[in-house]
Amino acid sequence: NQCLILSLTGFLLAVLASYGFDHYLSLSAQITAHVSTIVFATLLK
């Protein structure tokens, strides 16, 4: 249950960073955010 909550939170933050605040982030931070989206979605499942 804890991992489910943490991975959901991480996934939402990664999506927010990837698509909501992308113009504030450097290219390497954007790449990290996109990769994190995949990782957190996997952990969520």
All heavy atoms as atom14 arrays in JSON, in Angstrom:
{
  "sequence": "NQCLILSLTGFLLAVLASYGFDHYLSLSAQITAHVSTIVFATLLK",
  "atom14_mask": [
    [1, 1, 1, 1, 1, 1, 1, 1, 0, 0, 0, 0, 0, 0],
    [1, 1, 1, 1, 1, 1, 1, 1, 1, 0, 0, 0, 0, 0],
    [1, 1, 1, 1, 1, 1, 0, 0, 0, 0, 0, 0, 0, 0],
    [1, 1, 1, 1, 1, 1, 1, 1, 0, 0, 0, 0, 0, 0],
    [1, 1, 1, 1, 1, 1, 1, 1, 0, 0, 0, 0, 0, 0],
    [1, 1, 1, 1, 1, 1, 1, 1, 0, 0, 0, 0, 0, 0],
    [1, 1, 1, 1, 1, 1, 0, 0, 0, 0, 0, 0, 0, 0],
    [1, 1, 1, 1, 1, 1, 1, 1, 0, 0, 0, 0, 0, 0],
    [1, 1, 1, 1, 1, 1, 1, 0, 0, 0, 0, 0, 0, 0],
    [1, 1, 1, 1, 0, 0, 0, 0, 0, 0, 0, 0, 0, 0],
    [1, 1, 1, 1, 1, 1, 1, 1, 1, 1, 1, 0, 0, 0],
    [1, 1, 1, 1, 1, 1, 1, 1, 0, 0, 0, 0, 0, 0],
    [1, 1, 1, 1, 1, 1, 1, 1, 0, 0, 0, 0, 0, 0],
    [1, 1, 1, 1, 1, 0, 0, 0, 0, 0, 0, 0, 0, 0],
    [1, 1, 1, 1, 1, 1, 1, 0, 0, 0, 0, 0, 0, 0],
    [1, 1, 1, 1, 1, 1, 1, 1, 0, 0, 0, 0, 0, 0],
    [1, 1, 1, 1, 1, 0, 0, 0, 0, 0, 0, 0, 0, 0],
    [1, 1, 1, 1, 1, 1, 0, 0, 0, 0, 0, 0, 0, 0],
    [1, 1, 1, 1, 1, 1, 1, 1, 1, 1, 1, 1, 0, 0],
    [1, 1, 1, 1, 0, 0, 0, 0, 0, 0, 0, 0, 0, 0],
    [1, 1, 1, 1, 1, 1, 1, 1, 1, 1, 1, 0, 0, 0],
    [1, 1, 1, 1, 1, 1, 1, 1, 0, 0, 0, 0, 0, 0],
    [1, 1, 1, 1, 1, 1, 1, 1, 1, 1, 0, 0, 0, 0],
    [1, 1, 1, 1, 1, 1, 1, 1, 1, 1, 1, 1, 0, 0],
    [1, 1, 1, 1, 1, 1, 1, 1, 0, 0, 0, 0, 0, 0],
    [1, 1, 1, 1, 1, 1, 0, 0, 0, 0, 0, 0, 0, 0],
    [1, 1, 1, 1, 1, 1, 1, 1, 0, 0, 0, 0, 0, 0],
    [1, 1, 1, 1, 1, 1, 0, 0, 0, 0, 0, 0, 0, 0],
    [1, 1, 1, 1, 1, 0, 0, 0, 0, 0, 0, 0, 0, 0],
    [1, 1, 1, 1, 1, 1, 1, 1, 1, 0, 0, 0, 0, 0],
    [1, 1, 1, 1, 1, 1, 1, 1, 0, 0, 0, 0, 0, 0],
    [1, 1, 1, 1, 1, 1, 1, 0, 0, 0, 0, 0, 0, 0],
    [1, 1, 1, 1, 1, 0, 0, 0, 0, 0, 0, 0, 0, 0],
    [1, 1, 1, 1, 1, 1, 1, 1, 1, 1, 0, 0, 0, 0],
    [1, 1, 1, 1, 1, 1, 1, 0, 0, 0, 0, 0, 0, 0],
    [1, 1, 1, 1, 1, 1, 0, 0, 0, 0, 0, 0, 0, 0],
    [1, 1, 1, 1, 1, 1, 1, 0, 0, 0, 0, 0, 0, 0],
    [1, 1, 1, 1, 1, 1, 1, 1, 0, 0, 0, 0, 0, 0],
    [1, 1, 1, 1, 1, 1, 1, 0, 0, 0, 0, 0, 0, 0],
    [1, 1, 1, 1, 1, 1, 1, 1, 1, 1, 1, 0, 0, 0],
    [1, 1, 1, 1, 1, 0, 0, 0, 0, 0, 0, 0, 0, 0],
    [1, 1, 1, 1, 1, 1, 1, 0, 0, 0, 0, 0, 0, 0],
    [1, 1, 1, 1, 1, 1, 1, 1, 0, 0, 0, 0, 0, 0],
    [1, 1, 1, 1, 1, 1, 1, 1, 0, 0, 0, 0, 0, 0],
    [1, 1, 1, 1, 1, 1, 1, 1, 1, 0, 0, 0, 0, 0]
  ],
  "atom14_positions": [
    [[0.82, -1.21, 0.0], [0.0, 0.0, 0.0], [0.86, 1.26, 0.0], [0.56, 2.22, -0.72], [-0.94, 0.01, 1.21], [-2.04, -1.01, 1.09], [-2.45, -1.38, 0.0], [-2.52, -1.5, 2.22], [0.0, 0.0, 0.0], [0.0, 0.0, 0.0], [0.0, 0.0, 0.0], [0.0, 0.0, 0.0], [0.0, 0.0, 0.0], [0.0, 0.0, 0.0]],
    [[1.92, 1.26, 0.79], [2.82, 2.42, 0.83], [3.51, 2.61, -0.5], [3.63, 3.75, -1.0], [3.85, 2.26, 1.94], [3.3, 2.41, 3.32], [4.34, 2.14, 4.39], [5.44, 1.68, 4.11], [3.98, 2.42, 5.64], [0.0, 0.0, 0.0], [0.0, 0.0, 0.0], [0.0, 0.0, 0.0], [0.0, 0.0, 0.0], [0.0, 0.0, 0.0]],
    [[3.98, 1.54, -1.1], [4.63, 1.63, -2.41], [3.66, 2.11, -3.47], [4.04, 2.86, -4.37], [5.21, 0.27, -2.81], [6.67, -0.2, -1.88], [0.0, 0.0, 0.0], [0.0, 0.0, 0.0], [0.0, 0.0, 0.0], [0.0, 0.0, 0.0], [0.0, 0.0, 0.0], [0.0, 0.0, 0.0], [0.0, 0.0, 0.0], [0.0, 0.0, 0.0]],
    [[2.41, 1.69, -3.35], [1.39, 2.14, -4.29], [1.19, 3.65, -4.2], [1.15, 4.34, -5.22], [0.08, 1.4, -4.0], [-1.03, 1.45, -5.02], [-0.59, 0.84, -6.33], [-2.24, 0.73, -4.49], [0.0, 0.0, 0.0], [0.0, 0.0, 0.0], [0.0, 0.0, 0.0], [0.0, 0.0, 0.0], [0.0, 0.0, 0.0], [0.0, 0.0, 0.0]],
    [[1.11, 4.16, -3.0], [0.92, 5.6, -2.8], [2.15, 6.39, -3.26], [2.03, 7.4, -3.96], [0.59, 5.9, -1.32], [-0.79, 5.37, -0.98], [0.68, 7.4, -1.03], [-1.11, 5.37, 0.5], [0.0, 0.0, 0.0], [0.0, 0.0, 0.0], [0.0, 0.0, 0.0], [0.0, 0.0, 0.0], [0.0, 0.0, 0.0], [0.0, 0.0, 0.0]],
    [[3.33, 5.9, -2.9], [4.56, 6.6, -3.3], [4.77, 6.58, -4.81], [5.18, 7.59, -5.39], [5.77, 5.99, -2.58], [5.84, 6.24, -1.08], [7.02, 5.45, -0.48], [6.0, 7.72, -0.8], [0.0, 0.0, 0.0], [0.0, 0.0, 0.0], [0.0, 0.0, 0.0], [0.0, 0.0, 0.0], [0.0, 0.0, 0.0], [0.0, 0.0, 0.0]],
    [[4.51, 5.45, -5.44], [4.71, 5.37, -6.89], [3.66, 6.22, -7.62], [3.98, 6.82, -8.65], [4.69, 3.92, -7.37], [3.47, 3.3, -7.05], [0.0, 0.0, 0.0], [0.0, 0.0, 0.0], [0.0, 0.0, 0.0], [0.0, 0.0, 0.0], [0.0, 0.0, 0.0], [0.0, 0.0, 0.0], [0.0, 0.0, 0.0], [0.0, 0.0, 0.0]],
    [[2.45, 6.28, -7.1], [1.44, 7.15, -7.72], [1.83, 8.61, -7.59], [1.74, 9.38, -8.55], [0.07, 6.92, -7.08], [-1.06, 7.78, -7.6], [-1.32, 7.5, -9.07], [-2.32, 7.56, -6.79], [0.0, 0.0, 0.0], [0.0, 0.0, 0.0], [0.0, 0.0, 0.0], [0.0, 0.0, 0.0], [0.0, 0.0, 0.0], [0.0, 0.0, 0.0]],
    [[2.32, 8.99, -6.42], [2.78, 10.37, -6.21], [3.96, 10.69, -7.13], [3.99, 11.75, -7.78], [3.2, 10.58, -4.74], [2.09, 10.25, -3.9], [3.63, 12.01, -4.49], [0.0, 0.0, 0.0], [0.0, 0.0, 0.0], [0.0, 0.0, 0.0], [0.0, 0.0, 0.0], [0.0, 0.0, 0.0], [0.0, 0.0, 0.0], [0.0, 0.0, 0.0]],
    [[4.92, 9.79, -7.21], [6.07, 9.99, -8.09], [5.65, 10.08, -9.55], [6.17, 10.91, -10.31], [0.0, 0.0, 0.0], [0.0, 0.0, 0.0], [0.0, 0.0, 0.0], [0.0, 0.0, 0.0], [0.0, 0.0, 0.0], [0.0, 0.0, 0.0], [0.0, 0.0, 0.0], [0.0, 0.0, 0.0], [0.0, 0.0, 0.0], [0.0, 0.0, 0.0]],
    [[4.71, 9.23, -9.95], [4.22, 9.25, -11.32], [3.55, 10.59, -11.65], [3.82, 11.19, -12.69], [3.25, 8.09, -11.55], [2.62, 8.08, -12.91], [3.35, 7.72, -14.03], [1.3, 8.44, -13.08], [2.78, 7.71, -15.28], [0.71, 8.44, -14.32], [1.45, 8.07, -15.44], [0.0, 0.0, 0.0], [0.0, 0.0, 0.0], [0.0, 0.0, 0.0]],
    [[2.7, 11.05, -10.74], [2.02, 12.32, -10.98], [3.0, 13.5, -11.04], [2.86, 14.4, -11.87], [0.96, 12.57, -9.91], [-0.24, 11.61, -9.95], [-1.15, 11.87, -8.76], [-0.99, 11.73, -11.25], [0.0, 0.0, 0.0], [0.0, 0.0, 0.0], [0.0, 0.0, 0.0], [0.0, 0.0, 0.0], [0.0, 0.0, 0.0], [0.0, 0.0, 0.0]],
    [[4.0, 13.48, -10.16], [5.01, 14.53, -10.19], [5.84, 14.48, -11.47], [6.19, 15.52, -12.04], [5.92, 14.43, -8.97], [5.28, 14.82, -7.63], [6.23, 14.54, -6.48], [4.87, 16.28, -7.65], [0.0, 0.0, 0.0], [0.0, 0.0, 0.0], [0.0, 0.0, 0.0], [0.0, 0.0, 0.0], [0.0, 0.0, 0.0], [0.0, 0.0, 0.0]],
    [[6.16, 13.26, -11.92], [6.94, 13.12, -13.15], [6.14, 13.6, -14.36], [6.68, 14.27, -15.25], [7.36, 11.66, -13.34], [0.0, 0.0, 0.0], [0.0, 0.0, 0.0], [0.0, 0.0, 0.0], [0.0, 0.0, 0.0], [0.0, 0.0, 0.0], [0.0, 0.0, 0.0], [0.0, 0.0, 0.0], [0.0, 0.0, 0.0], [0.0, 0.0, 0.0]],
    [[4.85, 13.29, -14.4], [4.0, 13.76, -15.5], [3.88, 15.28, -15.45], [3.95, 15.95, -16.49], [2.61, 13.09, -15.45], [1.63, 13.76, -16.39], [2.73, 11.62, -15.79], [0.0, 0.0, 0.0], [0.0, 0.0, 0.0], [0.0, 0.0, 0.0], [0.0, 0.0, 0.0], [0.0, 0.0, 0.0], [0.0, 0.0, 0.0], [0.0, 0.0, 0.0]],
    [[3.72, 15.81, -14.26], [3.63, 17.26, -14.11], [4.92, 17.94, -14.57], [4.88, 18.96, -15.27], [3.32, 17.62, -12.66], [2.96, 19.05, -12.36], [1.68, 19.44, -13.1], [2.79, 19.24, -10.88], [0.0, 0.0, 0.0], [0.0, 0.0, 0.0], [0.0, 0.0, 0.0], [0.0, 0.0, 0.0], [0.0, 0.0, 0.0], [0.0, 0.0, 0.0]],
    [[6.04, 17.37, -14.2], [7.33, 17.94, -14.62], [7.53, 17.78, -16.13], [8.07, 18.67, -16.79], [8.48, 17.27, -13.87], [0.0, 0.0, 0.0], [0.0, 0.0, 0.0], [0.0, 0.0, 0.0], [0.0, 0.0, 0.0], [0.0, 0.0, 0.0], [0.0, 0.0, 0.0], [0.0, 0.0, 0.0], [0.0, 0.0, 0.0], [0.0, 0.0, 0.0]],
    [[7.09, 16.65, -16.67], [7.29, 16.39, -18.1], [6.45, 17.29, -18.99], [6.91, 17.74, -20.04], [6.93, 14.94, -18.42], [7.79, 14.05, -17.77], [0.0, 0.0, 0.0], [0.0, 0.0, 0.0], [0.0, 0.0, 0.0], [0.0, 0.0, 0.0], [0.0, 0.0, 0.0], [0.0, 0.0, 0.0], [0.0, 0.0, 0.0], [0.0, 0.0, 0.0]],
    [[5.21, 17.54, -18.59], [4.3, 18.25, -19.47], [3.82, 19.6, -18.94], [3.45, 20.46, -19.72], [3.08, 17.36, -19.76], [3.47, 16.09, -20.45], [3.49, 14.89, -19.74], [3.86, 16.07, -21.77], [3.87, 13.71, -20.35], [4.23, 14.9, -22.4], [4.23, 13.72, -21.68], [4.62, 12.56, -22.29], [0.0, 0.0, 0.0], [0.0, 0.0, 0.0]],
    [[3.84, 19.79, -17.63], [3.34, 21.04, -17.08], [4.39, 22.11, -16.93], [4.13, 23.3, -17.13], [0.0, 0.0, 0.0], [0.0, 0.0, 0.0], [0.0, 0.0, 0.0], [0.0, 0.0, 0.0], [0.0, 0.0, 0.0], [0.0, 0.0, 0.0], [0.0, 0.0, 0.0], [0.0, 0.0, 0.0], [0.0, 0.0, 0.0], [0.0, 0.0, 0.0]],
    [[5.59, 21.7, -16.53], [6.65, 22.66, -16.27], [7.86, 22.43, -17.17], [8.99, 22.76, -16.82], [7.09, 22.57, -14.8], [6.01, 22.94, -13.84], [5.34, 21.97, -13.12], [5.63, 24.26, -13.68], [4.33, 22.31, -12.24], [4.63, 24.62, -12.8], [3.97, 23.65, -12.08], [0.0, 0.0, 0.0], [0.0, 0.0, 0.0], [0.0, 0.0, 0.0]],
    [[7.63, 21.88, -18.35], [8.72, 21.55, -19.25], [9.5, 22.78, -19.71], [10.71, 22.7, -19.92], [8.22, 20.76, -20.46], [7.13, 21.48, -21.22], [6.46, 22.35, -20.62], [6.94, 21.17, -22.41], [0.0, 0.0, 0.0], [0.0, 0.0, 0.0], [0.0, 0.0, 0.0], [0.0, 0.0, 0.0], [0.0, 0.0, 0.0], [0.0, 0.0, 0.0]],
    [[8.86, 23.91, -19.83], [9.54, 25.11, -20.29], [10.46, 25.72, -19.22], [11.28, 26.57, -19.53], [8.53, 26.15, -20.79], [7.42, 26.45, -19.85], [6.33, 25.61, -19.72], [7.23, 27.46, -18.98], [5.52, 26.11, -18.81], [6.03, 27.24, -18.34], [0.0, 0.0, 0.0], [0.0, 0.0, 0.0], [0.0, 0.0, 0.0], [0.0, 0.0, 0.0]],
    [[10.32, 25.26, -17.98], [11.21, 25.73, -16.91], [12.42, 24.81, -16.7], [13.33, 25.17, -15.97], [10.44, 25.81, -15.58], [9.37, 26.85, -15.56], [8.04, 26.48, -15.42], [9.66, 28.22, -15.67], [7.03, 27.42, -15.39], [8.66, 29.16, -15.65], [7.36, 28.77, -15.5], [6.36, 29.71, -15.47], [0.0, 0.0, 0.0], [0.0, 0.0, 0.0]],
    [[12.4, 23.64, -17.31], [13.43, 22.63, -17.06], [14.43, 22.57, -18.2], [14.1, 22.82, -19.36], [12.78, 21.26, -16.88], [11.77, 21.13, -15.75], [11.12, 19.76, -15.78], [12.44, 21.36, -14.41], [0.0, 0.0, 0.0], [0.0, 0.0, 0.0], [0.0, 0.0, 0.0], [0.0, 0.0, 0.0], [0.0, 0.0, 0.0], [0.0, 0.0, 0.0]],
    [[15.65, 22.17, -17.84], [16.67, 21.96, -18.87], [16.35, 20.68, -19.63], [15.49, 19.88, -19.23], [18.05, 21.86, -18.22], [18.11, 20.7, -17.41], [0.0, 0.0, 0.0], [0.0, 0.0, 0.0], [0.0, 0.0, 0.0], [0.0, 0.0, 0.0], [0.0, 0.0, 0.0], [0.0, 0.0, 0.0], [0.0, 0.0, 0.0], [0.0, 0.0, 0.0]],
    [[17.06, 20.45, -20.72], [16.82, 19.27, -21.53], [17.1, 17.99, -20.75], [16.32, 17.03, -20.82], [17.68, 19.32, -22.8], [17.48, 18.16, -23.78], [16.04, 18.1, -24.26], [18.42, 18.3, -24.95], [0.0, 0.0, 0.0], [0.0, 0.0, 0.0], [0.0, 0.0, 0.0], [0.0, 0.0, 0.0], [0.0, 0.0, 0.0], [0.0, 0.0, 0.0]],
    [[18.18, 17.99, -19.97], [18.49, 16.78, -19.2], [17.44, 16.52, -18.12], [17.08, 15.37, -17.85], [19.88, 16.89, -18.57], [19.94, 18.0, -17.7], [0.0, 0.0, 0.0], [0.0, 0.0, 0.0], [0.0, 0.0, 0.0], [0.0, 0.0, 0.0], [0.0, 0.0, 0.0], [0.0, 0.0, 0.0], [0.0, 0.0, 0.0], [0.0, 0.0, 0.0]],
    [[16.9, 17.57, -17.52], [15.83, 17.4, -16.53], [14.55, 16.9, -17.19], [13.83, 16.08, -16.6], [15.58, 18.71, -15.8], [0.0, 0.0, 0.0], [0.0, 0.0, 0.0], [0.0, 0.0, 0.0], [0.0, 0.0, 0.0], [0.0, 0.0, 0.0], [0.0, 0.0, 0.0], [0.0, 0.0, 0.0], [0.0, 0.0, 0.0], [0.0, 0.0, 0.0]],
    [[14.27, 17.37, -18.39], [13.09, 16.88, -19.12], [13.22, 15.41, -19.47], [12.26, 14.64, -19.35], [12.88, 17.7, -20.39], [12.42, 19.11, -20.15], [12.21, 19.86, -21.44], [11.84, 19.28, -22.45], [12.47, 21.17, -21.41], [0.0, 0.0, 0.0], [0.0, 0.0, 0.0], [0.0, 0.0, 0.0], [0.0, 0.0, 0.0], [0.0, 0.0, 0.0]],
    [[14.41, 15.0, -19.89], [14.66, 13.59, -20.21], [14.49, 12.74, -18.96], [13.85, 11.68, -18.99], [16.06, 13.41, -20.82], [16.11, 14.06, -22.21], [16.44, 11.94, -20.91], [17.49, 14.16, -22.81], [0.0, 0.0, 0.0], [0.0, 0.0, 0.0], [0.0, 0.0, 0.0], [0.0, 0.0, 0.0], [0.0, 0.0, 0.0], [0.0, 0.0, 0.0]],
    [[15.03, 13.22, -17.84], [14.89, 12.51, -16.57], [13.42, 12.39, -16.17], [12.98, 11.34, -15.7], [15.69, 13.22, -15.47], [17.06, 13.31, -15.86], [15.58, 12.5, -14.15], [0.0, 0.0, 0.0], [0.0, 0.0, 0.0], [0.0, 0.0, 0.0], [0.0, 0.0, 0.0], [0.0, 0.0, 0.0], [0.0, 0.0, 0.0], [0.0, 0.0, 0.0]],
    [[12.66, 13.45, -16.36], [11.24, 13.43, -16.01], [10.48, 12.43, -16.88], [9.62, 11.69, -16.38], [10.65, 14.83, -16.17], [0.0, 0.0, 0.0], [0.0, 0.0, 0.0], [0.0, 0.0, 0.0], [0.0, 0.0, 0.0], [0.0, 0.0, 0.0], [0.0, 0.0, 0.0], [0.0, 0.0, 0.0], [0.0, 0.0, 0.0], [0.0, 0.0, 0.0]],
    [[10.79, 12.36, -18.16], [10.12, 11.42, -19.05], [10.48, 9.97, -18.71], [9.61, 9.1, -18.71], [10.44, 11.72, -20.5], [9.66, 12.87, -21.06], [8.36, 12.75, -21.49], [10.0, 14.16, -21.26], [7.93, 13.92, -21.92], [8.91, 14.79, -21.79], [0.0, 0.0, 0.0], [0.0, 0.0, 0.0], [0.0, 0.0, 0.0], [0.0, 0.0, 0.0]],
    [[11.73, 9.73, -18.42], [12.15, 8.38, -18.02], [11.53, 8.0, -16.68], [11.09, 6.87, -16.48], [13.69, 8.28, -17.99], [14.15, 6.97, -17.39], [14.27, 8.44, -19.39], [0.0, 0.0, 0.0], [0.0, 0.0, 0.0], [0.0, 0.0, 0.0], [0.0, 0.0, 0.0], [0.0, 0.0, 0.0], [0.0, 0.0, 0.0], [0.0, 0.0, 0.0]],
    [[11.46, 8.97, -15.78], [10.85, 8.73, -14.47], [9.38, 8.37, -14.6], [8.86, 7.57, -13.81], [10.99, 9.96, -13.58], [12.34, 10.22, -13.31], [0.0, 0.0, 0.0], [0.0, 0.0, 0.0], [0.0, 0.0, 0.0], [0.0, 0.0, 0.0], [0.0, 0.0, 0.0], [0.0, 0.0, 0.0], [0.0, 0.0, 0.0], [0.0, 0.0, 0.0]],
    [[8.71, 8.93, -15.59], [7.31, 8.58, -15.82], [7.17, 7.09, -16.1], [6.29, 6.43, -15.54], [6.75, 9.4, -17.01], [6.91, 10.78, -16.73], [5.3, 9.08, -17.27], [0.0, 0.0, 0.0], [0.0, 0.0, 0.0], [0.0, 0.0, 0.0], [0.0, 0.0, 0.0], [0.0, 0.0, 0.0], [0.0, 0.0, 0.0], [0.0, 0.0, 0.0]],
    [[8.04, 6.56, -16.92], [8.01, 5.13, -17.25], [8.34, 4.29, -16.03], [7.68, 3.28, -15.74], [8.97, 4.83, -18.41], [8.53, 5.57, -19.67], [9.07, 3.33, -18.67], [9.55, 5.57, -20.78], [0.0, 0.0, 0.0], [0.0, 0.0, 0.0], [0.0, 0.0, 0.0], [0.0, 0.0, 0.0], [0.0, 0.0, 0.0], [0.0, 0.0, 0.0]],
    [[9.37, 4.69, -15.29], [9.79, 3.93, -14.11], [8.7, 3.92, -13.05], [8.37, 2.86, -12.5], [11.12, 4.51, -13.55], [11.46, 3.88, -12.21], [12.24, 4.31, -14.54], [0.0, 0.0, 0.0], [0.0, 0.0, 0.0], [0.0, 0.0, 0.0], [0.0, 0.0, 0.0], [0.0, 0.0, 0.0], [0.0, 0.0, 0.0], [0.0, 0.0, 0.0]],
    [[8.12, 5.08, -12.76], [7.08, 5.14, -11.73], [5.81, 4.42, -12.16], [5.12, 3.83, -11.32], [6.77, 6.59, -11.35], [7.77, 7.19, -10.41], [8.51, 8.3, -10.77], [7.98, 6.65, -9.16], [9.43, 8.87, -9.9], [8.9, 7.2, -8.27], [9.63, 8.31, -8.66], [0.0, 0.0, 0.0], [0.0, 0.0, 0.0], [0.0, 0.0, 0.0]],
    [[5.49, 4.45, -13.44], [4.32, 3.7, -13.92], [4.55, 2.2, -13.74], [3.63, 1.46, -13.35], [4.05, 4.01, -15.39], [0.0, 0.0, 0.0], [0.0, 0.0, 0.0], [0.0, 0.0, 0.0], [0.0, 0.0, 0.0], [0.0, 0.0, 0.0], [0.0, 0.0, 0.0], [0.0, 0.0, 0.0], [0.0, 0.0, 0.0], [0.0, 0.0, 0.0]],
    [[5.76, 1.73, -13.98], [6.08, 0.33, -13.77], [5.99, -0.04, -12.3], [5.42, -1.08, -11.94], [7.5, 0.03, -14.31], [7.57, 0.4, -15.69], [7.85, -1.43, -14.15], [0.0, 0.0, 0.0], [0.0, 0.0, 0.0], [0.0, 0.0, 0.0], [0.0, 0.0, 0.0], [0.0, 0.0, 0.0], [0.0, 0.0, 0.0], [0.0, 0.0, 0.0]],
    [[6.54, 0.79, -11.43], [6.46, 0.53, -9.99], [5.01, 0.55, -9.5], [4.64, -0.23, -8.62], [7.28, 1.57, -9.23], [8.8, 1.47, -9.38], [9.47, 2.65, -8.7], [9.3, 0.17, -8.83], [0.0, 0.0, 0.0], [0.0, 0.0, 0.0], [0.0, 0.0, 0.0], [0.0, 0.0, 0.0], [0.0, 0.0, 0.0], [0.0, 0.0, 0.0]],
    [[4.21, 1.42, -10.08], [2.79, 1.49, -9.73], [2.09, 0.17, -10.06], [1.35, -0.37, -9.23], [2.14, 2.65, -10.47], [0.67, 2.92, -10.22], [0.48, 3.47, -8.82], [0.14, 3.92, -11.23], [0.0, 0.0, 0.0], [0.0, 0.0, 0.0], [0.0, 0.0, 0.0], [0.0, 0.0, 0.0], [0.0, 0.0, 0.0], [0.0, 0.0, 0.0]],
    [[2.35, -0.36, -11.23], [1.73, -1.62, -11.64], [2.2, -2.79, -10.78], [1.4, -3.63, -10.38], [2.02, -1.89, -13.11], [1.34, -0.91, -14.03], [1.77, -1.09, -15.46], [1.17, 0.0, -16.32], [1.6, -0.11, -17.72], [0.0, 0.0, 0.0], [0.0, 0.0, 0.0], [0.0, 0.0, 0.0], [0.0, 0.0, 0.0], [0.0, 0.0, 0.0]]
  ]
}
